[in-house]
Amino acid sequence: MYLQSYLPFQKELDNGSPFPLVLTPAKGSPKGAGALASALRIQEQRSQLDEWLIRSGAILLRGFDVWTGQEFDSIIDALGWEEYNYLELGGLANRKRVHGKVLTANDLPLDWYVGYHNEAAYLTKFPSKLAFFAAKPPEPGTGGATPIVPGHVVYKRVLERKHLAEQLLDKGPVVTRSYLSDKALRTQDRQTVETRAMKQNMTLTWLPEGGAILESKPLQPLFKEDSAGRMAIFTSIGSYVEFRKMQEDFPKSTIRFEDGTVLRDETADELVEIMLEEEVAFPWEKGDILLVDNSAVLHSRQKCTSKEREILVSLAQ
C-alpha cells in the first residue's frame, strides 16, 4: 500500500529512524482517501503505523490524493483515534470545527509566528497524537511551514550545556502565571473568562485595579518520558517567548517551577534557539498528512505571506 521514501529535509535520529518518516503510495497501488482508509482499517497496518510513529515521532503521508477535510476525517476514523475534544477542554488556540473530528489548526493571522510547543502542554490533560492536513498549502516561497523538532534531542542538547542543566533539571512540575489586562479581556465577559479558566483547571483572580491573574495548577515537569521511553522536553515555552515579545494586549506570563524557581527570559530564549537549530521544516504539498506523537515532538508555525494557506488538524486522546 505504501513505501518509505527519503527526501532532502529529513534528519536521522540516534535510533536510526528518519525524522519525519515519509510514506508514499507503493507503485501501482490505488490512491485516494478511500484506498488509504481501507488500508488503515486493517489492524496490522495500523499497528505498523503506530510502531513507526513511536520510533520516529512524526510520519508524513504524501501523495495519497486526499483532498478535502471530509476525506481527511475519514482517515482519522480509519486510524481509530478517539477524539481529544480541544474546544470543550479549554484549549487556548483560535480554532473552529470544520467536519467531524477535524478543526482549523490555528486561526491567528498568518503573518504571526507561532512558537514551539507541545499541544496543550499548559493543560493537565493533553492530546497524545496530532494529525495535520494540508487542504490548501501556501504558495511556494511564502513561508507557512509547520516545523517540527524531537523533544528528546532538545533534552540531550540541554544536558550538553551545564548552565542550562543546572537551571532546568529536577525542578518539579511547571506552573504558569499570566496577567490578563482589560485590553486583553475586552471581547469577553467575566462569565466567559471564568468558564474558560475552569475548563483549563486554572485559578482566576480578578484584580481591583482591573485585569486578572490566571495561574495553572502544577503541571507535568519540563522534561518527562515520551512514548518511546526517552526523556524529552514537554512545554509551551516557544509560544510563551513569542507572546512575551508582543504588544501589551497579550498576556504577560511567567513560568516557574514547583520549587519556586522562575524561568529566566534568557534561559527560555536559549531553549528556543536550540529548537530552531534542531528543527525540520518542509513546504506543504496539497493533501499532505503529518502524524505527530505529541509526547515526543514539538511543532511551530512559520509566518506566511500567502492568503491561500489552510492547514487542518485532528487531535487524539
C-alpha atoms as a PDB file:
ATOM      1  CA  MET A   1       0.000   0.000   0.000  1.00  0.00           C
ATOM      2  CA  TYR A   2       2.811   2.430   0.861  1.00  0.00           C
ATOM      3  CA  LEU A   3       6.565   2.532   0.976  1.00  0.00           C
ATOM      4  CA  GLN A   4       9.181   4.581   2.787  1.00  0.00           C
ATOM      5  CA  SER A   5      10.621   7.473   0.804  1.00  0.00           C
ATOM      6  CA  TYR A   6      13.602   9.685   1.521  1.00  0.00           C
ATOM      7  CA  LEU A   7      13.515  13.442   0.989  1.00  0.00           C
ATOM      8  CA  PRO A   8      16.269  16.061   1.480  1.00  0.00           C
ATOM      9  CA  PHE A   9      14.715  17.731   4.522  1.00  0.00           C
ATOM     10  CA  GLN A  10      14.686  14.575   6.693  1.00  0.00           C
ATOM     11  CA  LYS A  11      17.111  14.062   9.573  1.00  0.00           C
ATOM     12  CA  GLU A  12      18.227  10.824  11.208  1.00  0.00           C
ATOM     13  CA  LEU A  13      17.553  10.138  14.880  1.00  0.00           C
ATOM     14  CA  ASP A  14      20.021   8.353  17.117  1.00  0.00           C
ATOM     15  CA  ASN A  15      17.978   5.136  16.811  1.00  0.00           C
ATOM     16  CA  GLY A  16      18.447   5.237  13.026  1.00  0.00           C
ATOM     17  CA  SER A  17      14.876   6.283  12.273  1.00  0.00           C
ATOM     18  CA  PRO A  18      14.257   9.092   9.791  1.00  0.00           C
ATOM     19  CA  PHE A  19      12.616  12.256  11.116  1.00  0.00           C
ATOM     20  CA  PRO A  20       9.998  12.529   9.914  1.00  0.00           C
ATOM     21  CA  LEU A  21       9.342   9.121   8.391  1.00  0.00           C
ATOM     22  CA  VAL A  22       7.910   9.712   4.899  1.00  0.00           C
ATOM     23  CA  LEU A  23       5.400   7.281   3.385  1.00  0.00           C
ATOM     24  CA  THR A  24       4.235   7.461  -0.240  1.00  0.00           C
ATOM     25  CA  PRO A  25       1.955   5.134  -2.244  1.00  0.00           C
ATOM     26  CA  ALA A  26       3.606   1.960  -3.494  1.00  0.00           C
ATOM     27  CA  LYS A  27       3.955   1.715  -7.255  1.00  0.00           C
ATOM     28  CA  GLY A  28       0.725   0.501  -8.818  1.00  0.00           C
ATOM     29  CA  SER A  29      -1.299   0.678  -5.602  1.00  0.00           C
ATOM     30  CA  PRO A  30      -4.603   2.580  -5.615  1.00  0.00           C
ATOM     31  CA  LYS A  31      -4.634   6.182  -4.398  1.00  0.00           C
ATOM     32  CA  GLY A  32      -7.380   8.282  -2.878  1.00  0.00           C
ATOM     33  CA  ALA A  33      -8.863   8.687   0.583  1.00  0.00           C
ATOM     34  CA  GLY A  34     -10.975   5.551   0.210  1.00  0.00           C
ATOM     35  CA  ALA A  35      -8.000   3.345  -0.603  1.00  0.00           C
ATOM     36  CA  LEU A  36      -5.883   4.790   2.214  1.00  0.00           C
ATOM     37  CA  ALA A  37      -8.738   4.489   4.720  1.00  0.00           C
ATOM     38  CA  SER A  38      -9.369   0.874   3.691  1.00  0.00           C
ATOM     39  CA  ALA A  39      -5.706   0.015   4.260  1.00  0.00           C
ATOM     40  CA  LEU A  40      -5.634   1.733   7.657  1.00  0.00           C
ATOM     41  CA  ARG A  41      -8.708  -0.190   8.836  1.00  0.00           C
ATOM     42  CA  ILE A  42      -6.580  -3.337   8.728  1.00  0.00           C
ATOM     43  CA  GLN A  43      -5.259  -3.878  12.243  1.00  0.00           C
ATOM     44  CA  GLU A  44      -1.843  -4.986  11.017  1.00  0.00           C
ATOM     45  CA  GLN A  45      -1.413  -1.768   9.030  1.00  0.00           C
ATOM     46  CA  ARG A  46      -2.471   0.424  11.971  1.00  0.00           C
ATOM     47  CA  SER A  47      -0.158  -1.418  14.331  1.00  0.00           C
ATOM     48  CA  GLN A  48       2.778  -0.924  11.971  1.00  0.00           C
ATOM     49  CA  LEU A  49       1.980   2.778  11.647  1.00  0.00           C
ATOM     50  CA  ASP A  50       1.747   3.140  15.441  1.00  0.00           C
ATOM     51  CA  GLU A  51       5.123   1.427  15.842  1.00  0.00           C
ATOM     52  CA  TRP A  52       6.732   3.732  13.284  1.00  0.00           C
ATOM     53  CA  LEU A  53       5.192   6.785  14.943  1.00  0.00           C
ATOM     54  CA  ILE A  54       6.677   5.828  18.314  1.00  0.00           C
ATOM     55  CA  ARG A  55      10.134   5.268  16.779  1.00  0.00           C
ATOM     56  CA  SER A  56      10.217   8.367  14.559  1.00  0.00           C
ATOM     57  CA  GLY A  57       7.899  10.738  16.419  1.00  0.00           C
ATOM     58  CA  ALA A  58       6.388  12.027  13.154  1.00  0.00           C
ATOM     59  CA  ILE A  59       5.154  10.496   9.896  1.00  0.00           C
ATOM     60  CA  LEU A  60       4.455  12.400   6.680  1.00  0.00           C
ATOM     61  CA  LEU A  61       1.929  10.758   4.341  1.00  0.00           C
ATOM     62  CA  ARG A  62       2.459  12.311   0.906  1.00  0.00           C
ATOM     63  CA  GLY A  63       0.904  11.667  -2.492  1.00  0.00           C
ATOM     64  CA  PHE A  64      -2.200   9.742  -1.387  1.00  0.00           C
ATOM     65  CA  ASP A  65      -4.702  12.057  -3.131  1.00  0.00           C
ATOM     66  CA  VAL A  66      -6.623  13.101  -0.020  1.00  0.00           C
ATOM     67  CA  TRP A  67      -8.148  16.445  -0.942  1.00  0.00           C
ATOM     68  CA  THR A  68     -10.867  17.610   1.468  1.00  0.00           C
ATOM     69  CA  GLY A  69     -11.480  17.994   5.176  1.00  0.00           C
ATOM     70  CA  GLN A  70     -14.204  15.366   4.934  1.00  0.00           C
ATOM     71  CA  GLU A  71     -11.801  12.895   3.335  1.00  0.00           C
ATOM     72  CA  PHE A  72      -9.206  13.704   5.999  1.00  0.00           C
ATOM     73  CA  ASP A  73     -11.839  12.967   8.658  1.00  0.00           C
ATOM     74  CA  SER A  74     -12.374   9.537   7.091  1.00  0.00           C
ATOM     75  CA  ILE A  75      -8.641   8.841   7.504  1.00  0.00           C
ATOM     76  CA  ILE A  76      -8.834   9.781  11.198  1.00  0.00           C
ATOM     77  CA  ASP A  77     -11.782   7.405  11.624  1.00  0.00           C
ATOM     78  CA  ALA A  78      -9.798   4.635   9.894  1.00  0.00           C
ATOM     79  CA  LEU A  79      -6.886   5.228  12.293  1.00  0.00           C
ATOM     80  CA  GLY A  80      -9.285   4.541  15.147  1.00  0.00           C
ATOM     81  CA  TRP A  81      -8.339   7.718  17.003  1.00  0.00           C
ATOM     82  CA  GLU A  82     -10.605   8.734  19.863  1.00  0.00           C
ATOM     83  CA  GLU A  83     -11.095  12.481  19.644  1.00  0.00           C
ATOM     84  CA  TYR A  84      -9.447  14.841  22.093  1.00  0.00           C
ATOM     85  CA  ASN A  85     -12.150  17.491  22.312  1.00  0.00           C
ATOM     86  CA  TYR A  86      -9.971  20.593  22.248  1.00  0.00           C
ATOM     87  CA  LEU A  87     -12.849  23.054  22.155  1.00  0.00           C
ATOM     88  CA  GLU A  88     -14.534  21.550  25.217  1.00  0.00           C
ATOM     89  CA  LEU A  89     -11.340  21.102  27.248  1.00  0.00           C
ATOM     90  CA  GLY A  90     -10.425  24.785  27.128  1.00  0.00           C
ATOM     91  CA  GLY A  91      -7.604  24.960  24.580  1.00  0.00           C
ATOM     92  CA  LEU A  92      -6.239  28.470  24.026  1.00  0.00           C
ATOM     93  CA  ALA A  93      -5.676  28.368  20.238  1.00  0.00           C
ATOM     94  CA  ASN A  94      -8.229  30.030  17.981  1.00  0.00           C
ATOM     95  CA  ARG A  95      -9.883  27.084  16.228  1.00  0.00           C
ATOM     96  CA  LYS A  96     -13.223  26.095  14.796  1.00  0.00           C
ATOM     97  CA  ARG A  97     -14.713  22.764  13.807  1.00  0.00           C
ATOM     98  CA  VAL A  98     -14.669  22.009  10.083  1.00  0.00           C
ATOM     99  CA  HIS A  99     -16.020  18.475   9.809  1.00  0.00           C
ATOM    100  CA  GLY A 100     -16.350  15.599  12.274  1.00  0.00           C
ATOM    101  CA  LYS A 101     -13.107  15.405  14.281  1.00  0.00           C
ATOM    102  CA  VAL A 102     -11.376  17.997  12.087  1.00  0.00           C
ATOM    103  CA  LEU A 103     -10.586  21.561  13.225  1.00  0.00           C
ATOM    104  CA  THR A 104      -8.745  24.522  11.784  1.00  0.00           C
ATOM    105  CA  ALA A 105      -5.141  24.347  13.021  1.00  0.00           C
ATOM    106  CA  ASN A 106      -4.882  27.968  14.179  1.00  0.00           C
ATOM    107  CA  ASP A 107      -6.904  30.995  13.133  1.00  0.00           C
ATOM    108  CA  LEU A 108      -4.356  33.585  14.233  1.00  0.00           C
ATOM    109  CA  PRO A 109      -3.245  35.947  11.431  1.00  0.00           C
ATOM    110  CA  LEU A 110      -0.881  34.207   9.016  1.00  0.00           C
ATOM    111  CA  ASP A 111       1.817  36.859   9.430  1.00  0.00           C
ATOM    112  CA  TRP A 112       2.258  35.805  13.080  1.00  0.00           C
ATOM    113  CA  TYR A 113       4.877  33.269  14.080  1.00  0.00           C
ATOM    114  CA  VAL A 114       3.593  30.585  16.472  1.00  0.00           C
ATOM    115  CA  GLY A 115       6.464  29.411  18.691  1.00  0.00           C
ATOM    116  CA  TYR A 116       7.453  25.852  19.501  1.00  0.00           C
ATOM    117  CA  HIS A 117       5.146  23.915  21.792  1.00  0.00           C
ATOM    118  CA  ASN A 118       3.719  20.511  22.579  1.00  0.00           C
ATOM    119  CA  GLU A 119      -0.009  20.698  22.007  1.00  0.00           C
ATOM    120  CA  ALA A 120      -1.936  21.825  25.120  1.00  0.00           C
ATOM    121  CA  ALA A 121       1.111  21.374  27.379  1.00  0.00           C
ATOM    122  CA  TYR A 122      -0.438  24.059  29.619  1.00  0.00           C
ATOM    123  CA  LEU A 123      -3.399  21.773  30.437  1.00  0.00           C
ATOM    124  CA  THR A 124      -3.476  18.866  32.869  1.00  0.00           C
ATOM    125  CA  LYS A 125      -4.883  16.672  30.082  1.00  0.00           C
ATOM    126  CA  PHE A 126      -3.319  16.954  26.638  1.00  0.00           C
ATOM    127  CA  PRO A 127      -3.643  15.041  23.338  1.00  0.00           C
ATOM    128  CA  SER A 128      -1.425  12.026  22.690  1.00  0.00           C
ATOM    129  CA  LYS A 129      -1.281  12.459  18.909  1.00  0.00           C
ATOM    130  CA  LEU A 130      -1.960  15.093  16.261  1.00  0.00           C
ATOM    131  CA  ALA A 131      -2.654  14.887  12.562  1.00  0.00           C
ATOM    132  CA  PHE A 132      -2.180  17.961  10.334  1.00  0.00           C
ATOM    133  CA  PHE A 133      -3.678  18.111   6.848  1.00  0.00           C
ATOM    134  CA  ALA A 134      -2.734  20.476   4.026  1.00  0.00           C
ATOM    135  CA  ALA A 135      -6.117  21.332   2.499  1.00  0.00           C
ATOM    136  CA  LYS A 136      -4.643  24.429   0.820  1.00  0.00           C
ATOM    137  CA  PRO A 137      -0.852  24.652   1.046  1.00  0.00           C
ATOM    138  CA  PRO A 138       0.705  28.123   0.917  1.00  0.00           C
ATOM    139  CA  GLU A 139       2.144  29.293  -2.369  1.00  0.00           C
ATOM    140  CA  PRO A 140       5.817  28.355  -2.858  1.00  0.00           C
ATOM    141  CA  GLY A 141       8.234  30.806  -1.277  1.00  0.00           C
ATOM    142  CA  THR A 142       5.653  32.379   1.061  1.00  0.00           C
ATOM    143  CA  GLY A 143       6.546  30.514   4.260  1.00  0.00           C
ATOM    144  CA  GLY A 144       3.794  28.894   6.284  1.00  0.00           C
ATOM    145  CA  ALA A 145       5.514  25.586   7.063  1.00  0.00           C
ATOM    146  CA  THR A 146       4.784  23.670  10.271  1.00  0.00           C
ATOM    147  CA  PRO A 147       8.310  22.905  11.554  1.00  0.00           C
ATOM    148  CA  ILE A 148       8.819  20.050  14.000  1.00  0.00           C
ATOM    149  CA  VAL A 149      11.589  19.170  16.468  1.00  0.00           C
ATOM    150  CA  PRO A 150      12.169  15.991  18.531  1.00  0.00           C
ATOM    151  CA  GLY A 151      11.868  16.706  22.245  1.00  0.00           C
ATOM    152  CA  HIS A 152      14.486  14.128  23.242  1.00  0.00           C
ATOM    153  CA  VAL A 153      17.053  15.836  21.006  1.00  0.00           C
ATOM    154  CA  VAL A 154      16.384  19.138  22.801  1.00  0.00           C
ATOM    155  CA  TYR A 155      16.812  17.350  26.139  1.00  0.00           C
ATOM    156  CA  LYS A 156      20.210  15.989  25.069  1.00  0.00           C
ATOM    157  CA  ARG A 157      21.294  19.461  23.965  1.00  0.00           C
ATOM    158  CA  VAL A 158      20.317  20.813  27.401  1.00  0.00           C
ATOM    159  CA  LEU A 159      22.499  18.156  29.065  1.00  0.00           C
ATOM    160  CA  GLU A 160      25.444  19.405  26.989  1.00  0.00           C
ATOM    161  CA  ARG A 161      25.113  22.896  28.475  1.00  0.00           C
ATOM    162  CA  LYS A 162      25.878  22.750  32.194  1.00  0.00           C
ATOM    163  CA  HIS A 163      24.306  26.129  32.958  1.00  0.00           C
ATOM    164  CA  LEU A 164      21.020  25.050  31.346  1.00  0.00           C
ATOM    165  CA  ALA A 165      21.001  21.668  33.053  1.00  0.00           C
ATOM    166  CA  GLU A 166      21.522  23.305  36.455  1.00  0.00           C
ATOM    167  CA  GLN A 167      18.651  25.740  35.854  1.00  0.00           C
ATOM    168  CA  LEU A 168      16.128  23.313  34.344  1.00  0.00           C
ATOM    169  CA  LEU A 169      16.569  19.736  35.524  1.00  0.00           C
ATOM    170  CA  ASP A 170      14.874  18.200  38.581  1.00  0.00           C
ATOM    171  CA  LYS A 171      12.853  21.323  39.345  1.00  0.00           C
ATOM    172  CA  GLY A 172       9.474  19.589  39.651  1.00  0.00           C
ATOM    173  CA  PRO A 173       6.172  20.432  37.941  1.00  0.00           C
ATOM    174  CA  VAL A 174       5.759  23.656  35.991  1.00  0.00           C
ATOM    175  CA  VAL A 175       3.315  26.408  36.975  1.00  0.00           C
ATOM    176  CA  THR A 176       2.327  29.155  34.527  1.00  0.00           C
ATOM    177  CA  ARG A 177       1.090  32.554  35.680  1.00  0.00           C
ATOM    178  CA  SER A 178      -0.367  35.144  33.302  1.00  0.00           C
ATOM    179  CA  TYR A 179      -1.532  38.712  33.792  1.00  0.00           C
ATOM    180  CA  LEU A 180      -4.516  39.493  31.584  1.00  0.00           C
ATOM    181  CA  SER A 181      -5.091  43.211  31.056  1.00  0.00           C
ATOM    182  CA  ASP A 182      -8.516  44.749  30.499  1.00  0.00           C
ATOM    183  CA  LYS A 183      -7.423  45.254  26.907  1.00  0.00           C
ATOM    184  CA  ALA A 184      -6.790  41.541  26.518  1.00  0.00           C
ATOM    185  CA  LEU A 185     -10.219  40.785  28.009  1.00  0.00           C
ATOM    186  CA  ARG A 186     -12.127  43.386  26.013  1.00  0.00           C
ATOM    187  CA  THR A 187     -14.152  40.899  23.943  1.00  0.00           C
ATOM    188  CA  GLN A 188     -15.037  38.556  26.819  1.00  0.00           C
ATOM    189  CA  ASP A 189     -17.440  38.969  29.724  1.00  0.00           C
ATOM    190  CA  ARG A 190     -16.499  37.737  33.182  1.00  0.00           C
ATOM    191  CA  GLN A 191     -18.605  34.608  32.939  1.00  0.00           C
ATOM    192  CA  THR A 192     -16.892  33.566  29.703  1.00  0.00           C
ATOM    193  CA  VAL A 193     -13.438  34.126  31.193  1.00  0.00           C
ATOM    194  CA  GLU A 194     -14.322  32.226  34.381  1.00  0.00           C
ATOM    195  CA  THR A 195     -15.787  29.290  32.435  1.00  0.00           C
ATOM    196  CA  ARG A 196     -12.692  29.062  30.246  1.00  0.00           C
ATOM    197  CA  ALA A 197     -10.406  29.154  33.294  1.00  0.00           C
ATOM    198  CA  MET A 198     -12.408  26.388  34.957  1.00  0.00           C
ATOM    199  CA  LYS A 199     -12.103  24.187  31.847  1.00  0.00           C
ATOM    200  CA  GLN A 200      -8.341  24.780  31.891  1.00  0.00           C
ATOM    201  CA  ASN A 201      -8.179  23.808  35.584  1.00  0.00           C
ATOM    202  CA  MET A 202      -6.667  27.228  36.333  1.00  0.00           C
ATOM    203  CA  THR A 203      -7.161  29.712  39.161  1.00  0.00           C
ATOM    204  CA  LEU A 204      -8.551  33.104  38.122  1.00  0.00           C
ATOM    205  CA  THR A 205      -8.155  36.148  40.378  1.00  0.00           C
ATOM    206  CA  TRP A 206      -9.775  39.447  39.413  1.00  0.00           C
ATOM    207  CA  LEU A 207      -7.702  42.499  40.330  1.00  0.00           C
ATOM    208  CA  PRO A 208      -9.374  45.592  41.885  1.00  0.00           C
ATOM    209  CA  GLU A 209      -7.420  47.897  39.550  1.00  0.00           C
ATOM    210  CA  GLY A 210      -8.604  45.922  36.502  1.00  0.00           C
ATOM    211  CA  GLY A 211      -7.473  42.825  34.686  1.00  0.00           C
ATOM    212  CA  ALA A 212      -6.905  39.394  36.186  1.00  0.00           C
ATOM    213  CA  ILE A 213      -4.255  36.858  37.145  1.00  0.00           C
ATOM    214  CA  LEU A 214      -4.579  33.385  35.603  1.00  0.00           C
ATOM    215  CA  GLU A 215      -2.471  30.686  37.258  1.00  0.00           C
ATOM    216  CA  SER A 216      -2.250  26.998  36.433  1.00  0.00           C
ATOM    217  CA  LYS A 217      -2.109  24.223  38.955  1.00  0.00           C
ATOM    218  CA  PRO A 218       1.206  22.334  38.931  1.00  0.00           C
ATOM    219  CA  LEU A 219       1.550  20.661  35.545  1.00  0.00           C
ATOM    220  CA  GLN A 220       3.932  17.967  34.336  1.00  0.00           C
ATOM    221  CA  PRO A 221       7.698  18.602  34.696  1.00  0.00           C
ATOM    222  CA  LEU A 222       9.549  20.373  31.910  1.00  0.00           C
ATOM    223  CA  PHE A 223      11.195  17.067  30.966  1.00  0.00           C
ATOM    224  CA  LYS A 224       9.429  13.712  31.018  1.00  0.00           C
ATOM    225  CA  GLU A 225       9.461  10.396  29.189  1.00  0.00           C
ATOM    226  CA  ASP A 226       7.913  10.303  25.733  1.00  0.00           C
ATOM    227  CA  SER A 227       6.001   7.304  24.377  1.00  0.00           C
ATOM    228  CA  ALA A 228       9.297   5.625  23.368  1.00  0.00           C
ATOM    229  CA  GLY A 229      10.680   5.944  26.906  1.00  0.00           C
ATOM    230  CA  ARG A 230      13.143   8.736  26.034  1.00  0.00           C
ATOM    231  CA  MET A 231      13.495  11.803  28.253  1.00  0.00           C
ATOM    232  CA  ALA A 232      12.114  14.740  26.266  1.00  0.00           C
ATOM    233  CA  ILE A 233      11.151  18.346  26.791  1.00  0.00           C
ATOM    234  CA  PHE A 234       7.390  18.932  27.063  1.00  0.00           C
ATOM    235  CA  THR A 235       6.427  22.574  27.104  1.00  0.00           C
ATOM    236  CA  SER A 236       4.766  25.647  25.592  1.00  0.00           C
ATOM    237  CA  ILE A 237       7.894  27.753  26.087  1.00  0.00           C
ATOM    238  CA  GLY A 238       8.171  28.729  22.412  1.00  0.00           C
ATOM    239  CA  SER A 239       4.693  30.256  22.470  1.00  0.00           C
ATOM    240  CA  TYR A 240       5.495  31.991  25.761  1.00  0.00           C
ATOM    241  CA  VAL A 241       8.616  33.573  24.238  1.00  0.00           C
ATOM    242  CA  GLU A 242       6.680  34.879  21.231  1.00  0.00           C
ATOM    243  CA  PHE A 243       3.846  36.329  23.322  1.00  0.00           C
ATOM    244  CA  ARG A 244       6.414  37.981  25.581  1.00  0.00           C
ATOM    245  CA  LYS A 245       7.746  39.859  22.554  1.00  0.00           C
ATOM    246  CA  MET A 246       4.304  41.098  21.520  1.00  0.00           C
ATOM    247  CA  GLN A 247       2.377  44.189  22.407  1.00  0.00           C
ATOM    248  CA  GLU A 248       0.704  44.920  25.738  1.00  0.00           C
ATOM    249  CA  ASP A 249      -2.710  43.494  24.895  1.00  0.00           C
ATOM    250  CA  PHE A 250      -1.323  39.956  25.201  1.00  0.00           C
ATOM    251  CA  PRO A 251      -0.850  38.090  28.486  1.00  0.00           C
ATOM    252  CA  LYS A 252       2.331  38.907  30.384  1.00  0.00           C
ATOM    253  CA  SER A 253       3.372  35.486  31.626  1.00  0.00           C
ATOM    254  CA  THR A 254       5.855  33.878  33.929  1.00  0.00           C
ATOM    255  CA  ILE A 255       6.811  30.224  34.090  1.00  0.00           C
ATOM    256  CA  ARG A 256       8.038  28.885  37.403  1.00  0.00           C
ATOM    257  CA  PHE A 257       8.798  25.515  38.857  1.00  0.00           C
ATOM    258  CA  GLU A 258       7.215  23.966  41.914  1.00  0.00           C
ATOM    259  CA  ASP A 259      10.386  24.667  43.908  1.00  0.00           C
ATOM    260  CA  GLY A 260       9.791  28.391  43.360  1.00  0.00           C
ATOM    261  CA  THR A 261      12.447  28.933  40.670  1.00  0.00           C
ATOM    262  CA  VAL A 262      11.268  31.308  37.932  1.00  0.00           C
ATOM    263  CA  LEU A 263      12.309  30.567  34.356  1.00  0.00           C
ATOM    264  CA  ARG A 264      14.527  33.440  33.234  1.00  0.00           C
ATOM    265  CA  ASP A 265      13.830  35.083  29.887  1.00  0.00           C
ATOM    266  CA  GLU A 266      17.357  34.449  28.616  1.00  0.00           C
ATOM    267  CA  THR A 267      17.034  30.743  29.509  1.00  0.00           C
ATOM    268  CA  ALA A 268      13.752  30.464  27.603  1.00  0.00           C
ATOM    269  CA  ASP A 269      15.349  32.231  24.632  1.00  0.00           C
ATOM    270  CA  GLU A 270      18.267  29.778  24.660  1.00  0.00           C
ATOM    271  CA  LEU A 271      15.895  26.806  24.683  1.00  0.00           C
ATOM    272  CA  VAL A 272      14.083  28.218  21.661  1.00  0.00           C
ATOM    273  CA  GLU A 273      17.418  28.723  19.867  1.00  0.00           C
ATOM    274  CA  ILE A 274      18.181  25.021  20.377  1.00  0.00           C
ATOM    275  CA  MET A 275      14.779  24.084  18.969  1.00  0.00           C
ATOM    276  CA  LEU A 276      15.352  26.213  15.882  1.00  0.00           C
ATOM    277  CA  GLU A 277      18.775  24.629  15.343  1.00  0.00           C
ATOM    278  CA  GLU A 278      17.327  21.107  15.518  1.00  0.00           C
ATOM    279  CA  GLU A 279      14.056  21.672  13.634  1.00  0.00           C
ATOM    280  CA  VAL A 280      12.872  20.088  10.407  1.00  0.00           C
ATOM    281  CA  ALA A 281      10.798  22.318   8.133  1.00  0.00           C
ATOM    282  CA  PHE A 282       9.388  21.387   4.745  1.00  0.00           C
ATOM    283  CA  PRO A 283       6.996  23.074   2.307  1.00  0.00           C
ATOM    284  CA  TRP A 284       3.457  21.726   2.496  1.00  0.00           C
ATOM    285  CA  GLU A 285       2.080  19.969  -0.588  1.00  0.00           C
ATOM    286  CA  LYS A 286      -1.654  19.626  -1.175  1.00  0.00           C
ATOM    287  CA  GLY A 287      -3.009  16.524   0.515  1.00  0.00           C
ATOM    288  CA  ASP A 288      -0.075  16.076   2.905  1.00  0.00           C
ATOM    289  CA  ILE A 289      -0.958  14.432   6.219  1.00  0.00           C
ATOM    290  CA  LEU A 290       1.529  14.821   9.081  1.00  0.00           C
ATOM    291  CA  LEU A 291       1.075  12.496  12.068  1.00  0.00           C
ATOM    292  CA  VAL A 292       2.792  13.689  15.267  1.00  0.00           C
ATOM    293  CA  ASP A 293       3.422  11.981  18.594  1.00  0.00           C
ATOM    294  CA  ASN A 294       2.658  14.888  20.917  1.00  0.00           C
ATOM    295  CA  SER A 295       4.686  13.426  23.789  1.00  0.00           C
ATOM    296  CA  ALA A 296       7.809  13.314  21.621  1.00  0.00           C
ATOM    297  CA  VAL A 297       7.652  16.195  19.148  1.00  0.00           C
ATOM    298  CA  LEU A 298       7.085  19.953  19.373  1.00  0.00           C
ATOM    299  CA  HIS A 299       5.722  21.985  16.473  1.00  0.00           C
ATOM    300  CA  SER A 300       5.510  25.627  15.443  1.00  0.00           C
ATOM    301  CA  ARG A 301       4.121  27.706  12.576  1.00  0.00           C
ATOM    302  CA  GLN A 302       6.176  29.921  10.310  1.00  0.00           C
ATOM    303  CA  LYS A 303       4.959  33.326   9.242  1.00  0.00           C
ATOM    304  CA  CYS A 304       3.161  33.206   5.910  1.00  0.00           C
ATOM    305  CA  THR A 305       2.578  35.849   3.238  1.00  0.00           C
ATOM    306  CA  SER A 306       0.210  33.662   1.207  1.00  0.00           C
ATOM    307  CA  LYS A 307      -3.533  34.044   1.682  1.00  0.00           C
ATOM    308  CA  GLU A 308      -4.172  30.516   0.462  1.00  0.00           C
ATOM    309  CA  ARG A 309      -2.862  28.593   3.487  1.00  0.00           C
ATOM    310  CA  GLU A 310      -5.408  26.243   5.049  1.00  0.00           C
ATOM    311  CA  ILE A 311      -3.985  23.618   7.392  1.00  0.00           C
ATOM    312  CA  LEU A 312      -6.453  21.479   9.338  1.00  0.00           C
ATOM    313  CA  VAL A 313      -5.849  19.356  12.423  1.00  0.00           C
ATOM    314  CA  SER A 314      -7.314  16.446  14.347  1.00  0.00           C
ATOM    315  CA  LEU A 315      -6.285  15.562  17.902  1.00  0.00           C
ATOM    316  CA  ALA A 316      -6.394  12.174  19.621  1.00  0.00           C
ATOM    317  CA  GLN A 317      -6.754  11.391  23.312  1.00  0.00           C
END
